[in-house]
mmCIF file of all heavy atoms, coordinates in Angstrom:
data_MODEL
# 
_entry.id   MODEL 
# 
loop_
_atom_site.group_PDB 
_atom_site.id 
_atom_site.type_symbol 
_atom_site.label_atom_id 
_atom_site.label_alt_id 
_atom_site.label_comp_id 
_atom_site.label_asym_id 
_atom_site.label_entity_id 
_atom_site.label_seq_id 
_atom_site.pdbx_PDB_ins_code 
_atom_site.Cartn_x 
_atom_site.Cartn_y 
_atom_site.Cartn_z 
_atom_site.occupancy 
_atom_site.B_iso_or_equiv 
_atom_site.pdbx_formal_charge 
_atom_site.auth_seq_id 
_atom_site.auth_comp_id 
_atom_site.auth_asym_id 
_atom_site.auth_atom_id 
_atom_site.pdbx_PDB_model_num 
ATOM 1   N N   . VAL A 1 1  ? -0.768 14.272 9.777  1.00 0.00 ? 1  VAL A N   1 
ATOM 2   C CA  . VAL A 1 1  ? 0.396  13.807 10.535 1.00 0.00 ? 1  VAL A CA  1 
ATOM 3   C C   . VAL A 1 1  ? 1.244  12.866 9.678  1.00 0.00 ? 1  VAL A C   1 
ATOM 4   O O   . VAL A 1 1  ? 2.482  12.952 9.675  1.00 0.00 ? 1  VAL A O   1 
ATOM 5   C CB  . VAL A 1 1  ? -0.039 13.132 11.856 1.00 0.00 ? 1  VAL A CB  1 
ATOM 6   C CG1 . VAL A 1 1  ? 1.117  12.401 12.519 1.00 0.00 ? 1  VAL A CG1 1 
ATOM 7   C CG2 . VAL A 1 1  ? -0.638 14.163 12.797 1.00 0.00 ? 1  VAL A CG2 1 
ATOM 8   N N   . ALA A 1 2  ? 0.597  11.990 8.933  1.00 0.00 ? 2  ALA A N   1 
ATOM 9   C CA  . ALA A 1 2  ? 1.339  11.067 8.060  1.00 0.00 ? 2  ALA A CA  1 
ATOM 10  C C   . ALA A 1 2  ? 2.103  11.841 6.991  1.00 0.00 ? 2  ALA A C   1 
ATOM 11  O O   . ALA A 1 2  ? 3.256  11.522 6.685  1.00 0.00 ? 2  ALA A O   1 
ATOM 12  C CB  . ALA A 1 2  ? 0.386  10.064 7.425  1.00 0.00 ? 2  ALA A CB  1 
ATOM 13  N N   . GLY A 1 3  ? 1.458  12.848 6.412  1.00 0.00 ? 3  GLY A N   1 
ATOM 14  C CA  . GLY A 1 3  ? 2.136  13.678 5.417  1.00 0.00 ? 3  GLY A CA  1 
ATOM 15  C C   . GLY A 1 3  ? 3.346  14.387 6.005  1.00 0.00 ? 3  GLY A C   1 
ATOM 16  O O   . GLY A 1 3  ? 4.408  14.464 5.388  1.00 0.00 ? 3  GLY A O   1 
ATOM 17  N N   . TYR A 1 4  ? 3.187  14.899 7.226  1.00 0.00 ? 4  TYR A N   1 
ATOM 18  C CA  . TYR A 1 4  ? 4.299  15.559 7.899  1.00 0.00 ? 4  TYR A CA  1 
ATOM 19  C C   . TYR A 1 4  ? 5.430  14.558 8.181  1.00 0.00 ? 4  TYR A C   1 
ATOM 20  O O   . TYR A 1 4  ? 6.606  14.888 8.030  1.00 0.00 ? 4  TYR A O   1 
ATOM 21  C CB  . TYR A 1 4  ? 3.825  16.216 9.193  1.00 0.00 ? 4  TYR A CB  1 
ATOM 22  C CG  . TYR A 1 4  ? 4.931  16.892 9.955  1.00 0.00 ? 4  TYR A CG  1 
ATOM 23  C CD1 . TYR A 1 4  ? 5.511  18.057 9.470  1.00 0.00 ? 4  TYR A CD1 1 
ATOM 24  C CD2 . TYR A 1 4  ? 5.404  16.362 11.142 1.00 0.00 ? 4  TYR A CD2 1 
ATOM 25  C CE1 . TYR A 1 4  ? 6.540  18.683 10.154 1.00 0.00 ? 4  TYR A CE1 1 
ATOM 26  C CE2 . TYR A 1 4  ? 6.430  16.976 11.843 1.00 0.00 ? 4  TYR A CE2 1 
ATOM 27  C CZ  . TYR A 1 4  ? 6.995  18.139 11.339 1.00 0.00 ? 4  TYR A CZ  1 
ATOM 28  O OH  . TYR A 1 4  ? 8.015  18.746 12.029 1.00 0.00 ? 4  TYR A OH  1 
ATOM 29  N N   . ALA A 1 5  ? 5.061  13.344 8.564  1.00 0.00 ? 5  ALA A N   1 
ATOM 30  C CA  . ALA A 1 5  ? 6.077  12.318 8.838  1.00 0.00 ? 5  ALA A CA  1 
ATOM 31  C C   . ALA A 1 5  ? 6.869  11.986 7.580  1.00 0.00 ? 5  ALA A C   1 
ATOM 32  O O   . ALA A 1 5  ? 8.096  11.820 7.642  1.00 0.00 ? 5  ALA A O   1 
ATOM 33  C CB  . ALA A 1 5  ? 5.417  11.068 9.410  1.00 0.00 ? 5  ALA A CB  1 
ATOM 34  N N   . VAL A 1 6  ? 6.199  11.912 6.450  1.00 0.00 ? 6  VAL A N   1 
ATOM 35  C CA  . VAL A 1 6  ? 6.906  11.639 5.185  1.00 0.00 ? 6  VAL A CA  1 
ATOM 36  C C   . VAL A 1 6  ? 7.840  12.806 4.865  1.00 0.00 ? 6  VAL A C   1 
ATOM 37  O O   . VAL A 1 6  ? 8.995  12.595 4.465  1.00 0.00 ? 6  VAL A O   1 
ATOM 38  C CB  . VAL A 1 6  ? 5.908  11.383 4.038  1.00 0.00 ? 6  VAL A CB  1 
ATOM 39  C CG1 . VAL A 1 6  ? 6.601  11.364 2.691  1.00 0.00 ? 6  VAL A CG1 1 
ATOM 40  C CG2 . VAL A 1 6  ? 5.161  10.076 4.274  1.00 0.00 ? 6  VAL A CG2 1 
ATOM 41  N N   . TYR A 1 7  ? 7.357  14.026 5.053  1.00 0.00 ? 7  TYR A N   1 
ATOM 42  C CA  . TYR A 1 7  ? 8.197  15.199 4.839  1.00 0.00 ? 7  TYR A CA  1 
ATOM 43  C C   . TYR A 1 7  ? 9.449  15.133 5.721  1.00 0.00 ? 7  TYR A C   1 
ATOM 44  O O   . TYR A 1 7  ? 10.560 15.338 5.256  1.00 0.00 ? 7  TYR A O   1 
ATOM 45  C CB  . TYR A 1 7  ? 7.398  16.477 5.132  1.00 0.00 ? 7  TYR A CB  1 
ATOM 46  C CG  . TYR A 1 7  ? 8.251  17.697 5.309  1.00 0.00 ? 7  TYR A CG  1 
ATOM 47  C CD1 . TYR A 1 7  ? 8.804  18.342 4.206  1.00 0.00 ? 7  TYR A CD1 1 
ATOM 48  C CD2 . TYR A 1 7  ? 8.521  18.195 6.577  1.00 0.00 ? 7  TYR A CD2 1 
ATOM 49  C CE1 . TYR A 1 7  ? 9.607  19.454 4.370  1.00 0.00 ? 7  TYR A CE1 1 
ATOM 50  C CE2 . TYR A 1 7  ? 9.326  19.307 6.749  1.00 0.00 ? 7  TYR A CE2 1 
ATOM 51  C CZ  . TYR A 1 7  ? 9.862  19.943 5.637  1.00 0.00 ? 7  TYR A CZ  1 
ATOM 52  O OH  . TYR A 1 7  ? 10.655 21.039 5.809  1.00 0.00 ? 7  TYR A OH  1 
ATOM 53  N N   . ARG A 1 8  ? 9.252  14.822 7.014  1.00 0.00 ? 8  ARG A N   1 
ATOM 54  C CA  . ARG A 1 8  ? 10.382 14.741 7.947  1.00 0.00 ? 8  ARG A CA  1 
ATOM 55  C C   . ARG A 1 8  ? 11.337 13.607 7.564  1.00 0.00 ? 8  ARG A C   1 
ATOM 56  O O   . ARG A 1 8  ? 12.548 13.732 7.729  1.00 0.00 ? 8  ARG A O   1 
ATOM 57  C CB  . ARG A 1 8  ? 9.877  14.530 9.378  1.00 0.00 ? 8  ARG A CB  1 
ATOM 58  C CG  . ARG A 1 8  ? 9.123  15.696 9.960  1.00 0.00 ? 8  ARG A CG  1 
ATOM 59  C CD  . ARG A 1 8  ? 10.036 16.767 10.380 1.00 0.00 ? 8  ARG A CD  1 
ATOM 60  N NE  . ARG A 1 8  ? 10.911 16.237 11.416 1.00 0.00 ? 8  ARG A NE  1 
ATOM 61  C CZ  . ARG A 1 8  ? 11.703 16.954 12.157 1.00 0.00 ? 8  ARG A CZ  1 
ATOM 62  N NH1 . ARG A 1 8  ? 11.748 18.240 12.002 1.00 0.00 ? 8  ARG A NH1 1 
ATOM 63  N NH2 . ARG A 1 8  ? 12.481 16.407 13.062 1.00 0.00 ? 8  ARG A NH2 1 
ATOM 64  N N   . MET A 1 9  ? 10.782 12.522 7.054  1.00 0.00 ? 9  MET A N   1 
ATOM 65  C CA  . MET A 1 9  ? 11.619 11.396 6.660  1.00 0.00 ? 9  MET A CA  1 
ATOM 66  C C   . MET A 1 9  ? 12.610 11.822 5.577  1.00 0.00 ? 9  MET A C   1 
ATOM 67  O O   . MET A 1 9  ? 13.778 11.445 5.615  1.00 0.00 ? 9  MET A O   1 
ATOM 68  C CB  . MET A 1 9  ? 10.749 10.252 6.157  1.00 0.00 ? 9  MET A CB  1 
ATOM 69  C CG  . MET A 1 9  ? 11.532 9.024  5.707  1.00 0.00 ? 9  MET A CG  1 
ATOM 70  S SD  . MET A 1 9  ? 10.505 7.737  5.026  1.00 0.00 ? 9  MET A SD  1 
ATOM 71  C CE  . MET A 1 9  ? 10.196 8.364  3.396  1.00 0.00 ? 9  MET A CE  1 
ATOM 72  N N   . PHE A 1 10 ? 12.140 12.639 4.630  1.00 0.00 ? 10 PHE A N   1 
ATOM 73  C CA  . PHE A 1 10 ? 13.019 13.063 3.546  1.00 0.00 ? 10 PHE A CA  1 
ATOM 74  C C   . PHE A 1 10 ? 13.926 14.225 3.921  1.00 0.00 ? 10 PHE A C   1 
ATOM 75  O O   . PHE A 1 10 ? 14.935 14.455 3.263  1.00 0.00 ? 10 PHE A O   1 
ATOM 76  C CB  . PHE A 1 10 ? 12.191 13.414 2.305  1.00 0.00 ? 10 PHE A CB  1 
ATOM 77  C CG  . PHE A 1 10 ? 11.643 12.202 1.611  1.00 0.00 ? 10 PHE A CG  1 
ATOM 78  C CD1 . PHE A 1 10 ? 10.289 11.944 1.617  1.00 0.00 ? 10 PHE A CD1 1 
ATOM 79  C CD2 . PHE A 1 10 ? 12.491 11.306 0.969  1.00 0.00 ? 10 PHE A CD2 1 
ATOM 80  C CE1 . PHE A 1 10 ? 9.785  10.829 0.981  1.00 0.00 ? 10 PHE A CE1 1 
ATOM 81  C CE2 . PHE A 1 10 ? 11.990 10.185 0.338  1.00 0.00 ? 10 PHE A CE2 1 
ATOM 82  C CZ  . PHE A 1 10 ? 10.632 9.946  0.338  1.00 0.00 ? 10 PHE A CZ  1 
ATOM 83  N N   . THR A 1 11 ? 13.581 14.959 4.964  1.00 0.00 ? 11 THR A N   1 
ATOM 84  C CA  . THR A 1 11 ? 14.406 16.109 5.338  1.00 0.00 ? 11 THR A CA  1 
ATOM 85  C C   . THR A 1 11 ? 15.371 15.818 6.479  1.00 0.00 ? 11 THR A C   1 
ATOM 86  O O   . THR A 1 11 ? 16.423 16.443 6.555  1.00 0.00 ? 11 THR A O   1 
ATOM 87  C CB  . THR A 1 11 ? 13.531 17.320 5.715  1.00 0.00 ? 11 THR A CB  1 
ATOM 88  O OG1 . THR A 1 11 ? 12.676 16.963 6.796  1.00 0.00 ? 11 THR A OG1 1 
ATOM 89  C CG2 . THR A 1 11 ? 12.713 17.791 4.523  1.00 0.00 ? 11 THR A CG2 1 
ATOM 90  N N   . THR A 1 12 ? 15.013 14.907 7.378  1.00 0.00 ? 12 THR A N   1 
ATOM 91  C CA  . THR A 1 12 ? 15.890 14.651 8.534  1.00 0.00 ? 12 THR A CA  1 
ATOM 92  C C   . THR A 1 12 ? 16.278 13.190 8.681  1.00 0.00 ? 12 THR A C   1 
ATOM 93  O O   . THR A 1 12 ? 17.021 12.851 9.593  1.00 0.00 ? 12 THR A O   1 
ATOM 94  C CB  . THR A 1 12 ? 15.216 15.105 9.846  1.00 0.00 ? 12 THR A CB  1 
ATOM 95  O OG1 . THR A 1 12 ? 14.024 14.354 10.032 1.00 0.00 ? 12 THR A OG1 1 
ATOM 96  C CG2 . THR A 1 12 ? 14.923 16.580 9.831  1.00 0.00 ? 12 THR A CG2 1 
ATOM 97  N N   . GLY A 1 13 ? 15.774 12.326 7.851  1.00 0.00 ? 13 GLY A N   1 
ATOM 98  C CA  . GLY A 1 13 ? 16.103 10.910 7.953  1.00 0.00 ? 13 GLY A CA  1 
ATOM 99  C C   . GLY A 1 13 ? 15.071 10.156 8.777  1.00 0.00 ? 13 GLY A C   1 
ATOM 100 O O   . GLY A 1 13 ? 14.095 10.714 9.259  1.00 0.00 ? 13 GLY A O   1 
ATOM 101 N N   . TYR A 1 14 ? 15.300 8.885  8.920  1.00 0.00 ? 14 TYR A N   1 
ATOM 102 C CA  . TYR A 1 14 ? 14.351 8.025  9.636  1.00 0.00 ? 14 TYR A CA  1 
ATOM 103 C C   . TYR A 1 14 ? 15.119 6.886  10.276 1.00 0.00 ? 14 TYR A C   1 
ATOM 104 O O   . TYR A 1 14 ? 16.255 6.604  9.925  1.00 0.00 ? 14 TYR A O   1 
ATOM 105 C CB  . TYR A 1 14 ? 13.274 7.493  8.697  1.00 0.00 ? 14 TYR A CB  1 
ATOM 106 C CG  . TYR A 1 14 ? 13.839 6.813  7.476  1.00 0.00 ? 14 TYR A CG  1 
ATOM 107 C CD1 . TYR A 1 14 ? 14.163 5.467  7.494  1.00 0.00 ? 14 TYR A CD1 1 
ATOM 108 C CD2 . TYR A 1 14 ? 14.083 7.536  6.318  1.00 0.00 ? 14 TYR A CD2 1 
ATOM 109 C CE1 . TYR A 1 14 ? 14.697 4.853  6.389  1.00 0.00 ? 14 TYR A CE1 1 
ATOM 110 C CE2 . TYR A 1 14 ? 14.625 6.923  5.195  1.00 0.00 ? 14 TYR A CE2 1 
ATOM 111 C CZ  . TYR A 1 14 ? 14.927 5.575  5.242  1.00 0.00 ? 14 TYR A CZ  1 
ATOM 112 O OH  . TYR A 1 14 ? 15.457 4.973  4.144  1.00 0.00 ? 14 TYR A OH  1 
ATOM 113 N N   . SER A 1 15 ? 14.451 6.214  11.215 1.00 0.00 ? 15 SER A N   1 
ATOM 114 C CA  . SER A 1 15 ? 15.097 5.110  11.914 1.00 0.00 ? 15 SER A CA  1 
ATOM 115 C C   . SER A 1 15 ? 14.446 3.793  11.529 1.00 0.00 ? 15 SER A C   1 
ATOM 116 O O   . SER A 1 15 ? 13.299 3.754  11.079 1.00 0.00 ? 15 SER A O   1 
ATOM 117 C CB  . SER A 1 15 ? 14.982 5.316  13.423 1.00 0.00 ? 15 SER A CB  1 
ATOM 118 O OG  . SER A 1 15 ? 13.638 5.167  13.831 1.00 0.00 ? 15 SER A OG  1 
ATOM 119 N N   . THR A 1 16 ? 15.171 2.728  11.758 1.00 0.00 ? 16 THR A N   1 
ATOM 120 C CA  . THR A 1 16 ? 14.623 1.391  11.519 1.00 0.00 ? 16 THR A CA  1 
ATOM 121 C C   . THR A 1 16 ? 13.446 1.136  12.449 1.00 0.00 ? 16 THR A C   1 
ATOM 122 O O   . THR A 1 16 ? 12.447 0.532  12.044 1.00 0.00 ? 16 THR A O   1 
ATOM 123 C CB  . THR A 1 16 ? 15.719 0.329  11.740 1.00 0.00 ? 16 THR A CB  1 
ATOM 124 O OG1 . THR A 1 16 ? 16.832 0.648  10.906 1.00 0.00 ? 16 THR A OG1 1 
ATOM 125 C CG2 . THR A 1 16 ? 15.211 -1.054 11.418 1.00 0.00 ? 16 THR A CG2 1 
ATOM 126 N N   . ALA A 1 17 ? 13.533 1.619  13.683 1.00 0.00 ? 17 ALA A N   1 
ATOM 127 C CA  . ALA A 1 17 ? 12.428 1.436  14.641 1.00 0.00 ? 17 ALA A CA  1 
ATOM 128 C C   . ALA A 1 17 ? 11.157 2.126  14.148 1.00 0.00 ? 17 ALA A C   1 
ATOM 129 O O   . ALA A 1 17 ? 10.057 1.605  14.303 1.00 0.00 ? 17 ALA A O   1 
ATOM 130 C CB  . ALA A 1 17 ? 12.823 1.973  16.014 1.00 0.00 ? 17 ALA A CB  1 
ATOM 131 N N   . ALA A 1 18 ? 11.295 3.297  13.543 1.00 0.00 ? 18 ALA A N   1 
ATOM 132 C CA  . ALA A 1 18 ? 10.130 4.008  13.019 1.00 0.00 ? 18 ALA A CA  1 
ATOM 133 C C   . ALA A 1 18 ? 9.470  3.213  11.895 1.00 0.00 ? 18 ALA A C   1 
ATOM 134 O O   . ALA A 1 18 ? 8.243  3.089  11.835 1.00 0.00 ? 18 ALA A O   1 
ATOM 135 C CB  . ALA A 1 18 ? 10.524 5.396  12.527 1.00 0.00 ? 18 ALA A CB  1 
ATOM 136 N N   . TRP A 1 19 ? 10.289 2.646  11.001 1.00 0.00 ? 19 TRP A N   1 
ATOM 137 C CA  . TRP A 1 19 ? 9.732  1.822  9.923  1.00 0.00 ? 19 TRP A CA  1 
ATOM 138 C C   . TRP A 1 19 ? 9.060  0.566  10.482 1.00 0.00 ? 19 TRP A C   1 
ATOM 139 O O   . TRP A 1 19 ? 7.992  0.175  10.018 1.00 0.00 ? 19 TRP A O   1 
ATOM 140 C CB  . TRP A 1 19 ? 10.828 1.430  8.928  1.00 0.00 ? 19 TRP A CB  1 
ATOM 141 C CG  . TRP A 1 19 ? 11.059 2.477  7.892  1.00 0.00 ? 19 TRP A CG  1 
ATOM 142 C CD1 . TRP A 1 19 ? 12.125 3.313  7.800  1.00 0.00 ? 19 TRP A CD1 1 
ATOM 143 C CD2 . TRP A 1 19 ? 10.182 2.814  6.820  1.00 0.00 ? 19 TRP A CD2 1 
ATOM 144 N NE1 . TRP A 1 19 ? 11.965 4.152  6.727  1.00 0.00 ? 19 TRP A NE1 1 
ATOM 145 C CE2 . TRP A 1 19 ? 10.786 3.860  6.100  1.00 0.00 ? 19 TRP A CE2 1 
ATOM 146 C CE3 . TRP A 1 19 ? 8.957  2.343  6.389  1.00 0.00 ? 19 TRP A CE3 1 
ATOM 147 C CZ2 . TRP A 1 19 ? 10.207 4.447  4.986  1.00 0.00 ? 19 TRP A CZ2 1 
ATOM 148 C CZ3 . TRP A 1 19 ? 8.370  2.926  5.276  1.00 0.00 ? 19 TRP A CZ3 1 
ATOM 149 C CH2 . TRP A 1 19 ? 8.990  3.969  4.595  1.00 0.00 ? 19 TRP A CH2 1 
ATOM 150 N N   . ALA A 1 20 ? 9.695  -0.054 11.474 1.00 0.00 ? 20 ALA A N   1 
ATOM 151 C CA  . ALA A 1 20 ? 9.118  -1.257 12.080 1.00 0.00 ? 20 ALA A CA  1 
ATOM 152 C C   . ALA A 1 20 ? 7.770  -0.940 12.728 1.00 0.00 ? 20 ALA A C   1 
ATOM 153 O O   . ALA A 1 20 ? 6.804  -1.700 12.577 1.00 0.00 ? 20 ALA A O   1 
ATOM 154 C CB  . ALA A 1 20 ? 10.083 -1.851 13.103 1.00 0.00 ? 20 ALA A CB  1 
ATOM 155 N N   . LEU A 1 21 ? 7.690  0.191  13.431 1.00 0.00 ? 21 LEU A N   1 
ATOM 156 C CA  . LEU A 1 21 ? 6.430  0.595  14.055 1.00 0.00 ? 21 LEU A CA  1 
ATOM 157 C C   . LEU A 1 21 ? 5.367  0.895  13.006 1.00 0.00 ? 21 LEU A C   1 
ATOM 158 O O   . LEU A 1 21 ? 4.204  0.503  13.157 1.00 0.00 ? 21 LEU A O   1 
ATOM 159 C CB  . LEU A 1 21 ? 6.650  1.822  14.950 1.00 0.00 ? 21 LEU A CB  1 
ATOM 160 C CG  . LEU A 1 21 ? 5.434  2.309  15.716 1.00 0.00 ? 21 LEU A CG  1 
ATOM 161 C CD1 . LEU A 1 21 ? 4.921  1.227  16.663 1.00 0.00 ? 21 LEU A CD1 1 
ATOM 162 C CD2 . LEU A 1 21 ? 5.786  3.575  16.489 1.00 0.00 ? 21 LEU A CD2 1 
ATOM 163 N N   . LEU A 1 22 ? 5.747  1.560  11.928 1.00 0.00 ? 22 LEU A N   1 
ATOM 164 C CA  . LEU A 1 22 ? 4.814  1.851  10.837 1.00 0.00 ? 22 LEU A CA  1 
ATOM 165 C C   . LEU A 1 22 ? 4.240  0.559  10.256 1.00 0.00 ? 22 LEU A C   1 
ATOM 166 O O   . LEU A 1 22 ? 3.028  0.427  10.085 1.00 0.00 ? 22 LEU A O   1 
ATOM 167 C CB  . LEU A 1 22 ? 5.526  2.650  9.749  1.00 0.00 ? 22 LEU A CB  1 
ATOM 168 C CG  . LEU A 1 22 ? 4.736  2.844  8.454  1.00 0.00 ? 22 LEU A CG  1 
ATOM 169 C CD1 . LEU A 1 22 ? 3.679  3.908  8.647  1.00 0.00 ? 22 LEU A CD1 1 
ATOM 170 C CD2 . LEU A 1 22 ? 5.669  3.194  7.322  1.00 0.00 ? 22 LEU A CD2 1 
ATOM 171 N N   . ILE A 1 23 ? 5.107  -0.399 9.971  1.00 0.00 ? 23 ILE A N   1 
ATOM 172 C CA  . ILE A 1 23 ? 4.660  -1.671 9.385  1.00 0.00 ? 23 ILE A CA  1 
ATOM 173 C C   . ILE A 1 23 ? 3.795  -2.441 10.372 1.00 0.00 ? 23 ILE A C   1 
ATOM 174 O O   . ILE A 1 23 ? 2.733  -2.976 10.003 1.00 0.00 ? 23 ILE A O   1 
ATOM 175 C CB  . ILE A 1 23 ? 5.882  -2.497 8.918  1.00 0.00 ? 23 ILE A CB  1 
ATOM 176 C CG1 . ILE A 1 23 ? 6.544  -1.791 7.732  1.00 0.00 ? 23 ILE A CG1 1 
ATOM 177 C CG2 . ILE A 1 23 ? 5.483  -3.919 8.565  1.00 0.00 ? 23 ILE A CG2 1 
ATOM 178 C CD1 . ILE A 1 23 ? 7.923  -2.321 7.369  1.00 0.00 ? 23 ILE A CD1 1 
ATOM 179 N N   . LEU A 1 24 ? 4.178  -2.484 11.640 1.00 0.00 ? 24 LEU A N   1 
ATOM 180 C CA  . LEU A 1 24 ? 3.396  -3.189 12.657 1.00 0.00 ? 24 LEU A CA  1 
ATOM 181 C C   . LEU A 1 24 ? 1.998  -2.568 12.802 1.00 0.00 ? 24 LEU A C   1 
ATOM 182 O O   . LEU A 1 24 ? 0.997  -3.288 12.824 1.00 0.00 ? 24 LEU A O   1 
ATOM 183 C CB  . LEU A 1 24 ? 4.118  -3.168 14.006 1.00 0.00 ? 24 LEU A CB  1 
ATOM 184 C CG  . LEU A 1 24 ? 3.341  -3.785 15.170 1.00 0.00 ? 24 LEU A CG  1 
ATOM 185 C CD1 . LEU A 1 24 ? 3.152  -5.283 14.942 1.00 0.00 ? 24 LEU A CD1 1 
ATOM 186 C CD2 . LEU A 1 24 ? 4.051  -3.506 16.480 1.00 0.00 ? 24 LEU A CD2 1 
ATOM 187 N N   . MET A 1 25 ? 1.920  -1.245 12.877 1.00 0.00 ? 25 MET A N   1 
ATOM 188 C CA  . MET A 1 25 ? 0.623  -0.581 13.022 1.00 0.00 ? 25 MET A CA  1 
ATOM 189 C C   . MET A 1 25 ? -0.254 -0.827 11.795 1.00 0.00 ? 25 MET A C   1 
ATOM 190 O O   . MET A 1 25 ? -1.460 -1.030 11.916 1.00 0.00 ? 25 MET A O   1 
ATOM 191 C CB  . MET A 1 25 ? 0.798  0.919  13.255 1.00 0.00 ? 25 MET A CB  1 
ATOM 192 C CG  . MET A 1 25 ? 1.331  1.254  14.634 1.00 0.00 ? 25 MET A CG  1 
ATOM 193 S SD  . MET A 1 25 ? 0.297  0.608  15.975 1.00 0.00 ? 25 MET A SD  1 
ATOM 194 C CE  . MET A 1 25 ? -1.193 1.515  15.714 1.00 0.00 ? 25 MET A CE  1 
ATOM 195 N N   . HIS A 1 26 ? 0.347  -0.819 10.620 1.00 0.00 ? 26 HIS A N   1 
ATOM 196 C CA  . HIS A 1 26 ? -0.424 -1.086 9.405  1.00 0.00 ? 26 HIS A CA  1 
ATOM 197 C C   . HIS A 1 26 ? -0.996 -2.504 9.439  1.00 0.00 ? 26 HIS A C   1 
ATOM 198 O O   . HIS A 1 26 ? -2.168 -2.715 9.122  1.00 0.00 ? 26 HIS A O   1 
ATOM 199 C CB  . HIS A 1 26 ? 0.441  -0.892 8.163  1.00 0.00 ? 26 HIS A CB  1 
ATOM 200 C CG  . HIS A 1 26 ? -0.266 -1.246 6.899  1.00 0.00 ? 26 HIS A CG  1 
ATOM 201 N ND1 . HIS A 1 26 ? -1.292 -0.490 6.389  1.00 0.00 ? 26 HIS A ND1 1 
ATOM 202 C CD2 . HIS A 1 26 ? -0.119 -2.314 6.081  1.00 0.00 ? 26 HIS A CD2 1 
ATOM 203 C CE1 . HIS A 1 26 ? -1.745 -1.067 5.286  1.00 0.00 ? 26 HIS A CE1 1 
ATOM 204 N NE2 . HIS A 1 26 ? -1.049 -2.177 5.080  1.00 0.00 ? 26 HIS A NE2 1 
# 
């Protein structure tokens, strides 16, 4: 799932909320 998320990030973009959630969960 993480690999797919990275793929999607480079193909469709990403949001600030997604990055914030990623950092918080880490």
